Amino acid sequence: MTKEQSAFYDRIIRDYFGDPDEGGRFNGAIYRPFEYKTQRDKIAGEKLTEKENFQYIQQRNLYDFMRRLLVKRFESSFGSFRQSIENFRKITENISRFIEKTNRYILDRSLWKKYMTWIWNKSRSI
């Protein structure tokens, strides 16, 4: 890797995939809705119930996993990375439309797939 390529890589990893609390631009909001509906000071002050703490940790782990996945795709090839970004974009758009339409959020992937299949079948029958 050239010096310029190395600097580019470091900048992308830091600016986009660094911790969002430290300025990273990938916030992965769809993977951690708990943090958006719970008061930040409650999380920061560790004043969560056992159930809330479980949700917070579970969603934060999913977010960290997805962030690491994107970094690995970036490291493997730009084509793979681009496809992953496109997939993330499509999923985010679908979830945003669902939230706007129903005022609900589904984190469970199997339930989400069932919903999307139902929508697809419904649109075909019209």
N, C-alpha and C. Protein backbone atom coordinates (compact mmCIF):
# COMPACT_ATOMS: atom_id res chain seq x y z
N MET A 1 0.85 -1.17 0.00
CA MET A 1 0.00 0.00 0.00
C MET A 1 0.90 1.24 0.00
N THR A 2 0.55 2.21 -0.84
CA THR A 2 1.33 3.44 -0.86
C THR A 2 1.00 4.27 0.37
N LYS A 3 1.80 5.30 0.59
CA LYS A 3 1.56 6.19 1.73
C LYS A 3 0.20 6.87 1.61
N GLU A 4 -0.15 7.28 0.37
CA GLU A 4 -1.43 7.94 0.13
C GLU A 4 -2.60 6.98 0.37
N GLN A 5 -2.45 5.73 -0.09
CA GLN A 5 -3.50 4.73 0.12
C GLN A 5 -3.68 4.44 1.61
N SER A 6 -2.59 4.36 2.31
CA SER A 6 -2.64 4.10 3.75
C SER A 6 -3.33 5.25 4.48
N ALA A 7 -3.02 6.48 4.08
CA ALA A 7 -3.65 7.66 4.69
C ALA A 7 -5.16 7.67 4.40
N PHE A 8 -5.52 7.31 3.15
CA PHE A 8 -6.93 7.24 2.76
C PHE A 8 -7.65 6.19 3.61
N TYR A 9 -7.06 5.02 3.73
CA TYR A 9 -7.64 3.93 4.53
C TYR A 9 -7.84 4.39 5.98
N ASP A 10 -6.81 4.97 6.56
CA ASP A 10 -6.89 5.43 7.96
C ASP A 10 -7.99 6.47 8.14
N ARG A 11 -8.11 7.37 7.17
CA ARG A 11 -9.13 8.43 7.26
C ARG A 11 -10.54 7.83 7.18
N ILE A 12 -10.75 6.89 6.27
CA ILE A 12 -12.07 6.26 6.14
C ILE A 12 -12.44 5.52 7.42
N ILE A 13 -11.50 4.72 7.94
CA ILE A 13 -11.76 3.96 9.16
C ILE A 13 -12.07 4.89 10.32
N ARG A 14 -11.30 5.95 10.47
CA ARG A 14 -11.49 6.89 11.59
C ARG A 14 -12.77 7.71 11.41
N ASP A 15 -12.94 8.32 10.23
CA ASP A 15 -14.05 9.24 10.03
C ASP A 15 -15.41 8.55 9.90
N TYR A 16 -15.44 7.40 9.26
CA TYR A 16 -16.71 6.74 9.01
C TYR A 16 -17.02 5.61 9.99
N PHE A 17 -16.00 4.88 10.40
CA PHE A 17 -16.26 3.69 11.20
C PHE A 17 -15.73 3.78 12.62
N GLY A 18 -15.32 4.96 13.02
CA GLY A 18 -14.95 5.18 14.41
C GLY A 18 -16.22 5.18 15.27
N ASP A 19 -16.07 5.10 16.55
CA ASP A 19 -17.20 5.12 17.47
C ASP A 19 -17.99 6.42 17.25
N PRO A 20 -19.32 6.34 17.08
CA PRO A 20 -20.11 7.56 16.85
C PRO A 20 -20.03 8.54 18.01
N ASP A 21 -19.77 8.04 19.21
CA ASP A 21 -19.61 8.94 20.36
C ASP A 21 -18.32 9.74 20.25
N GLU A 22 -17.44 9.30 19.35
CA GLU A 22 -16.16 9.99 19.13
C GLU A 22 -16.09 10.59 17.73
N GLY A 23 -17.25 10.78 17.08
CA GLY A 23 -17.30 11.45 15.79
C GLY A 23 -17.42 10.55 14.57
N GLY A 24 -17.46 9.22 14.74
CA GLY A 24 -17.63 8.33 13.60
C GLY A 24 -18.96 8.59 12.91
N ARG A 25 -18.96 8.64 11.58
CA ARG A 25 -20.17 9.02 10.84
C ARG A 25 -21.16 7.88 10.65
N PHE A 26 -20.72 6.63 10.76
CA PHE A 26 -21.65 5.51 10.67
C PHE A 26 -22.34 5.37 12.02
N ASN A 27 -23.63 5.74 12.06
CA ASN A 27 -24.31 5.66 13.35
C ASN A 27 -25.15 4.40 13.50
N GLY A 28 -25.43 3.69 12.41
CA GLY A 28 -26.14 2.42 12.51
C GLY A 28 -27.42 2.49 13.32
N ALA A 29 -28.17 3.55 13.13
CA ALA A 29 -29.37 3.79 13.95
C ALA A 29 -30.37 2.65 13.91
N ILE A 30 -30.49 1.97 12.76
CA ILE A 30 -31.48 0.89 12.69
C ILE A 30 -31.09 -0.31 13.53
N TYR A 31 -29.83 -0.39 13.93
CA TYR A 31 -29.36 -1.51 14.74
C TYR A 31 -29.38 -1.21 16.23
N ARG A 32 -29.67 0.02 16.60
CA ARG A 32 -29.68 0.38 18.02
C ARG A 32 -30.77 1.40 18.35
N PRO A 33 -32.02 1.04 18.07
CA PRO A 33 -33.12 1.98 18.34
C PRO A 33 -33.29 2.30 19.82
N PHE A 34 -32.87 1.39 20.68
CA PHE A 34 -33.01 1.62 22.13
C PHE A 34 -32.34 2.93 22.53
N GLU A 35 -31.18 3.22 21.93
CA GLU A 35 -30.45 4.43 22.28
C GLU A 35 -31.18 5.69 21.84
N TYR A 36 -32.09 5.57 20.89
CA TYR A 36 -32.82 6.73 20.41
C TYR A 36 -34.10 6.97 21.18
N LYS A 37 -34.62 5.90 21.81
CA LYS A 37 -35.87 6.09 22.56
C LYS A 37 -35.62 6.22 24.06
N THR A 38 -34.40 6.00 24.50
CA THR A 38 -34.05 6.09 25.91
C THR A 38 -33.20 7.33 26.14
N GLN A 39 -33.42 7.99 27.24
CA GLN A 39 -32.65 9.20 27.54
C GLN A 39 -31.16 8.87 27.63
N ARG A 40 -30.36 9.66 26.94
CA ARG A 40 -28.91 9.44 26.93
C ARG A 40 -28.31 9.50 28.33
N ASP A 41 -28.81 10.41 29.16
CA ASP A 41 -28.24 10.52 30.51
C ASP A 41 -28.55 9.28 31.35
N LYS A 42 -29.66 8.62 31.04
CA LYS A 42 -30.00 7.37 31.74
C LYS A 42 -29.00 6.28 31.35
N ILE A 43 -28.62 6.24 30.08
CA ILE A 43 -27.63 5.26 29.62
C ILE A 43 -26.26 5.61 30.19
N ALA A 44 -25.88 6.87 30.05
CA ALA A 44 -24.56 7.30 30.52
C ALA A 44 -24.42 7.12 32.03
N GLY A 45 -25.48 7.36 32.76
CA GLY A 45 -25.44 7.22 34.21
C GLY A 45 -25.66 5.81 34.69
N GLU A 46 -25.76 4.88 33.74
CA GLU A 46 -25.96 3.46 34.05
C GLU A 46 -27.16 3.24 34.97
N LYS A 47 -28.26 3.92 34.65
CA LYS A 47 -29.48 3.82 35.45
C LYS A 47 -30.54 2.97 34.73
N LEU A 48 -30.09 1.94 34.04
CA LEU A 48 -30.99 1.10 33.28
C LEU A 48 -31.47 -0.08 34.12
N THR A 49 -32.70 -0.51 33.83
CA THR A 49 -33.18 -1.74 34.47
C THR A 49 -32.42 -2.91 33.84
N GLU A 50 -32.59 -4.08 34.40
CA GLU A 50 -31.92 -5.26 33.84
C GLU A 50 -32.36 -5.51 32.40
N LYS A 51 -33.65 -5.37 32.13
CA LYS A 51 -34.18 -5.57 30.78
C LYS A 51 -33.63 -4.50 29.82
N GLU A 52 -33.63 -3.25 30.27
CA GLU A 52 -33.10 -2.17 29.43
C GLU A 52 -31.62 -2.38 29.15
N ASN A 53 -30.88 -2.79 30.15
CA ASN A 53 -29.45 -3.02 29.97
C ASN A 53 -29.22 -4.14 28.96
N PHE A 54 -30.03 -5.20 29.03
CA PHE A 54 -29.92 -6.30 28.07
C PHE A 54 -30.18 -5.79 26.66
N GLN A 55 -31.25 -5.00 26.48
CA GLN A 55 -31.57 -4.45 25.16
C GLN A 55 -30.43 -3.57 24.65
N TYR A 56 -29.93 -2.72 25.52
CA TYR A 56 -28.85 -1.81 25.14
C TYR A 56 -27.62 -2.60 24.69
N ILE A 57 -27.21 -3.58 25.47
CA ILE A 57 -26.01 -4.36 25.13
C ILE A 57 -26.23 -5.18 23.87
N GLN A 58 -27.39 -5.80 23.75
CA GLN A 58 -27.70 -6.60 22.57
C GLN A 58 -27.64 -5.75 21.30
N GLN A 59 -28.27 -4.59 21.33
CA GLN A 59 -28.30 -3.73 20.16
C GLN A 59 -26.93 -3.11 19.88
N ARG A 60 -26.21 -2.77 20.92
CA ARG A 60 -24.87 -2.21 20.72
C ARG A 60 -23.94 -3.26 20.11
N ASN A 61 -24.08 -4.52 20.53
CA ASN A 61 -23.28 -5.59 19.95
C ASN A 61 -23.62 -5.80 18.47
N LEU A 62 -24.91 -5.74 18.13
CA LEU A 62 -25.31 -5.87 16.74
C LEU A 62 -24.74 -4.72 15.92
N TYR A 63 -24.84 -3.51 16.44
CA TYR A 63 -24.28 -2.35 15.77
C TYR A 63 -22.77 -2.52 15.55
N ASP A 64 -22.05 -2.93 16.59
CA ASP A 64 -20.59 -3.14 16.47
C ASP A 64 -20.27 -4.22 15.45
N PHE A 65 -21.07 -5.28 15.41
CA PHE A 65 -20.87 -6.35 14.44
C PHE A 65 -21.03 -5.81 13.02
N MET A 66 -22.10 -5.06 12.78
CA MET A 66 -22.35 -4.51 11.44
C MET A 66 -21.25 -3.53 11.04
N ARG A 67 -20.80 -2.75 11.97
CA ARG A 67 -19.72 -1.80 11.69
C ARG A 67 -18.44 -2.55 11.31
N ARG A 68 -18.10 -3.59 12.07
CA ARG A 68 -16.91 -4.39 11.75
C ARG A 68 -17.06 -5.10 10.41
N LEU A 69 -18.28 -5.55 10.11
CA LEU A 69 -18.53 -6.19 8.82
C LEU A 69 -18.23 -5.23 7.67
N LEU A 70 -18.69 -4.00 7.80
CA LEU A 70 -18.42 -3.02 6.75
C LEU A 70 -16.93 -2.73 6.62
N VAL A 71 -16.23 -2.67 7.73
CA VAL A 71 -14.77 -2.44 7.67
C VAL A 71 -14.11 -3.60 6.94
N LYS A 72 -14.51 -4.83 7.24
CA LYS A 72 -13.92 -5.99 6.56
C LYS A 72 -14.22 -5.97 5.07
N ARG A 73 -15.43 -5.57 4.71
CA ARG A 73 -15.78 -5.47 3.29
C ARG A 73 -14.95 -4.38 2.62
N PHE A 74 -14.73 -3.28 3.31
CA PHE A 74 -13.89 -2.20 2.79
C PHE A 74 -12.47 -2.70 2.57
N GLU A 75 -11.97 -3.50 3.50
CA GLU A 75 -10.61 -4.02 3.40
C GLU A 75 -10.48 -5.07 2.30
N SER A 76 -11.55 -5.82 2.02
CA SER A 76 -11.44 -6.90 1.04
C SER A 76 -11.50 -6.39 -0.40
N SER A 77 -12.46 -5.55 -0.71
CA SER A 77 -12.54 -4.99 -2.07
C SER A 77 -13.54 -3.86 -2.10
N PHE A 78 -13.28 -2.90 -2.98
CA PHE A 78 -14.20 -1.77 -3.08
C PHE A 78 -15.54 -2.22 -3.65
N GLY A 79 -15.53 -3.22 -4.55
CA GLY A 79 -16.78 -3.74 -5.11
C GLY A 79 -17.66 -4.36 -4.02
N SER A 80 -17.05 -5.16 -3.16
CA SER A 80 -17.78 -5.77 -2.04
C SER A 80 -18.31 -4.70 -1.10
N PHE A 81 -17.48 -3.72 -0.83
CA PHE A 81 -17.87 -2.63 0.06
C PHE A 81 -19.05 -1.86 -0.53
N ARG A 82 -18.95 -1.55 -1.82
CA ARG A 82 -20.03 -0.81 -2.49
C ARG A 82 -21.34 -1.59 -2.41
N GLN A 83 -21.29 -2.90 -2.68
CA GLN A 83 -22.50 -3.71 -2.62
C GLN A 83 -23.09 -3.73 -1.21
N SER A 84 -22.23 -3.82 -0.21
CA SER A 84 -22.71 -3.79 1.18
C SER A 84 -23.39 -2.47 1.50
N ILE A 85 -22.81 -1.37 1.04
CA ILE A 85 -23.40 -0.05 1.27
C ILE A 85 -24.76 0.03 0.58
N GLU A 86 -24.85 -0.48 -0.65
CA GLU A 86 -26.14 -0.49 -1.36
C GLU A 86 -27.17 -1.30 -0.59
N ASN A 87 -26.77 -2.46 -0.07
CA ASN A 87 -27.68 -3.30 0.71
C ASN A 87 -28.14 -2.58 1.98
N PHE A 88 -27.21 -1.93 2.66
CA PHE A 88 -27.55 -1.16 3.87
C PHE A 88 -28.54 -0.05 3.52
N ARG A 89 -28.29 0.63 2.40
CA ARG A 89 -29.16 1.73 1.98
C ARG A 89 -30.58 1.23 1.71
N LYS A 90 -30.70 0.12 0.98
CA LYS A 90 -32.03 -0.43 0.67
C LYS A 90 -32.77 -0.85 1.94
N ILE A 91 -32.07 -1.53 2.82
CA ILE A 91 -32.69 -1.96 4.08
C ILE A 91 -33.15 -0.75 4.89
N THR A 92 -32.29 0.27 4.97
CA THR A 92 -32.62 1.47 5.73
C THR A 92 -33.83 2.18 5.13
N GLU A 93 -33.89 2.26 3.80
CA GLU A 93 -35.04 2.90 3.15
C GLU A 93 -36.32 2.12 3.42
N ASN A 94 -36.26 0.79 3.33
CA ASN A 94 -37.44 -0.03 3.61
C ASN A 94 -37.90 0.13 5.05
N ILE A 95 -36.97 0.11 5.96
CA ILE A 95 -37.32 0.25 7.38
C ILE A 95 -37.88 1.64 7.65
N SER A 96 -37.31 2.66 7.03
CA SER A 96 -37.82 4.03 7.21
C SER A 96 -39.26 4.14 6.73
N ARG A 97 -39.54 3.55 5.56
CA ARG A 97 -40.92 3.59 5.05
C ARG A 97 -41.87 2.85 6.00
N PHE A 98 -41.42 1.71 6.51
CA PHE A 98 -42.24 0.95 7.45
C PHE A 98 -42.55 1.77 8.70
N ILE A 99 -41.53 2.41 9.24
CA ILE A 99 -41.71 3.22 10.46
C ILE A 99 -42.67 4.37 10.19
N GLU A 100 -42.50 5.06 9.06
CA GLU A 100 -43.38 6.18 8.73
C GLU A 100 -44.82 5.73 8.56
N LYS A 101 -45.00 4.55 7.98
CA LYS A 101 -46.33 4.03 7.70
C LYS A 101 -47.03 3.49 8.95
N THR A 102 -46.29 2.82 9.82
CA THR A 102 -46.91 2.11 10.95
C THR A 102 -46.59 2.71 12.32
N ASN A 103 -45.61 3.59 12.36
CA ASN A 103 -45.12 4.16 13.62
C ASN A 103 -44.59 3.06 14.55
N ARG A 104 -44.06 2.00 13.94
CA ARG A 104 -43.48 0.87 14.68
C ARG A 104 -42.12 0.53 14.08
N TYR A 105 -41.33 -0.19 14.88
CA TYR A 105 -39.99 -0.62 14.45
C TYR A 105 -39.82 -2.10 14.76
N ILE A 106 -39.27 -2.84 13.79
CA ILE A 106 -39.01 -4.27 13.98
C ILE A 106 -37.51 -4.51 13.85
N LEU A 107 -36.89 -5.03 14.90
CA LEU A 107 -35.47 -5.35 14.85
C LEU A 107 -35.26 -6.80 14.45
N ASP A 108 -36.22 -7.66 14.74
CA ASP A 108 -36.10 -9.09 14.45
C ASP A 108 -36.12 -9.33 12.94
N ARG A 109 -35.03 -9.88 12.40
CA ARG A 109 -34.90 -10.05 10.96
C ARG A 109 -35.93 -11.03 10.38
N SER A 110 -36.22 -12.13 11.07
CA SER A 110 -37.18 -13.10 10.54
C SER A 110 -38.58 -12.49 10.48
N LEU A 111 -38.94 -11.71 11.49
CA LEU A 111 -40.23 -11.03 11.47
C LEU A 111 -40.27 -9.99 10.35
N TRP A 112 -39.17 -9.31 10.14
CA TRP A 112 -39.08 -8.32 9.06
C TRP A 112 -39.26 -9.00 7.70
N LYS A 113 -38.63 -10.16 7.50
CA LYS A 113 -38.76 -10.89 6.23
C LYS A 113 -40.21 -11.33 6.01
N LYS A 114 -40.87 -11.79 7.07
CA LYS A 114 -42.28 -12.19 6.96
C LYS A 114 -43.13 -10.99 6.53
N TYR A 115 -42.86 -9.84 7.13
CA TYR A 115 -43.61 -8.63 6.79
C TYR A 115 -43.38 -8.25 5.33
N MET A 116 -42.12 -8.28 4.89
CA MET A 116 -41.81 -7.90 3.50
C MET A 116 -42.44 -8.89 2.52
N THR A 117 -42.46 -10.18 2.85
CA THR A 117 -43.11 -11.18 2.00
C THR A 117 -44.60 -10.91 1.92
N TRP A 118 -45.20 -10.57 3.05
CA TRP A 118 -46.63 -10.25 3.08
C TRP A 118 -46.92 -9.04 2.19
N ILE A 119 -46.11 -8.00 2.28
CA ILE A 119 -46.27 -6.80 1.45
C ILE A 119 -46.14 -7.15 -0.02
N TRP A 120 -45.12 -7.95 -0.35
CA TRP A 120 -44.88 -8.33 -1.74
C TRP A 120 -46.07 -9.11 -2.28
N ASN A 121 -46.57 -10.09 -1.52
CA ASN A 121 -47.73 -10.88 -1.95
C ASN A 121 -48.97 -10.02 -2.09
N LYS A 122 -49.14 -9.09 -1.18
CA LYS A 122 -50.29 -8.18 -1.23
C LYS A 122 -50.23 -7.32 -2.49
N SER A 123 -49.05 -6.81 -2.84
CA SER A 123 -48.91 -5.95 -4.02
C SER A 123 -49.14 -6.74 -5.31
N ARG A 124 -48.83 -8.03 -5.32
CA ARG A 124 -49.03 -8.86 -6.51
C ARG A 124 -50.50 -9.17 -6.73
N SER A 125 -51.29 -9.18 -5.66
CA SER A 125 -52.70 -9.55 -5.78
C SER A 125 -53.58 -8.37 -6.18
N ILE A 126 -53.01 -7.19 -6.24
CA ILE A 126 -53.79 -5.99 -6.60
C ILE A 126 -53.91 -5.88 -8.10
